[in-house]
Protein backbone atom coordinates (compact mmCIF):
# COMPACT_ATOMS: atom_id res chain seq x y z
CA MET A 1 -8.11 2.35 14.21
CA LEU A 2 -4.82 1.39 14.46
CA ARG A 3 -5.69 -2.16 15.24
CA TYR A 4 -7.09 -2.49 11.31
CA ALA A 5 -3.70 -0.88 10.41
CA VAL A 6 -1.92 -3.50 11.70
CA ILE A 7 -4.51 -5.91 10.51
CA PHE A 8 -3.79 -4.81 6.90
CA PHE A 9 -0.08 -4.82 7.26
CA ILE A 10 -0.65 -8.32 8.17
CA VAL A 11 -2.25 -9.11 4.97
CA ALA A 12 -0.46 -7.06 3.20
CA LEU A 13 2.94 -9.23 3.94
CA ILE A 14 0.98 -12.70 3.62
CA ALA A 15 -0.09 -11.87 0.02
CA GLY A 16 2.81 -10.61 -0.46
CA ALA A 17 5.17 -13.65 0.50
CA LEU A 18 2.34 -15.76 -1.68
CA GLY A 19 3.16 -13.19 -4.41
CA PHE A 20 6.47 -12.28 -5.25
CA GLY A 21 6.97 -16.65 -3.94
CA GLY A 22 5.32 -16.92 -7.45
CA VAL A 23 2.41 -18.88 -6.03
CA ALA A 24 -0.21 -16.62 -6.83
CA GLY A 25 0.58 -13.58 -9.39
CA ALA A 26 -2.31 -11.44 -8.91
CA ALA A 27 -1.94 -11.47 -4.89
CA ALA A 28 1.20 -9.42 -5.89
CA GLY A 29 -0.96 -6.69 -6.92
CA ILE A 30 -3.40 -6.90 -4.02
CA ALA A 31 -0.44 -6.92 -1.36
CA LYS A 32 0.99 -3.36 -2.84
CA ILE A 33 -2.58 -2.22 -2.47
CA VAL A 34 -2.87 -3.21 0.76
CA PHE A 35 0.15 -1.84 1.73
CA TYR A 36 -0.71 1.51 0.66
CA ILE A 37 -4.16 1.12 2.58
CA PHE A 38 -1.94 0.16 5.91
CA LEU A 39 0.18 3.26 5.30
CA VAL A 40 -2.84 5.73 4.46
CA LEU A 41 -4.80 3.91 7.84
CA LEU A 42 -0.89 4.54 9.89
CA LEU A 43 -0.56 7.92 9.38
CA VAL A 44 -4.08 8.34 9.83
CA SER A 45 -4.12 6.86 13.44
CA LEU A 46 -1.06 9.00 13.98
CA VAL A 47 -2.00 12.15 13.21
CA SER A 48 -5.39 11.33 15.51
CA ASN A 49 -3.46 10.21 18.12
CA LEU A 50 -1.45 13.58 18.26
CA LEU A 51 -4.17 15.68 18.04
CA LYS A 52 -6.00 13.93 20.98
CA LYS A 53 -3.06 14.56 22.91
CA ALA A 54 -2.85 18.26 22.20
């Protein structure tokens, strides 16, 4: 699951670079959504990892 979070993070960075650079205005909104998805997946991964070790 952590791998998916990293993939979402990379996609968010690419979409953010394209959107905030003026290439595509809609990519900025997509980048924000994908970034929040990354944060949620990261938190879920960290919590599940901590629960597995306990």
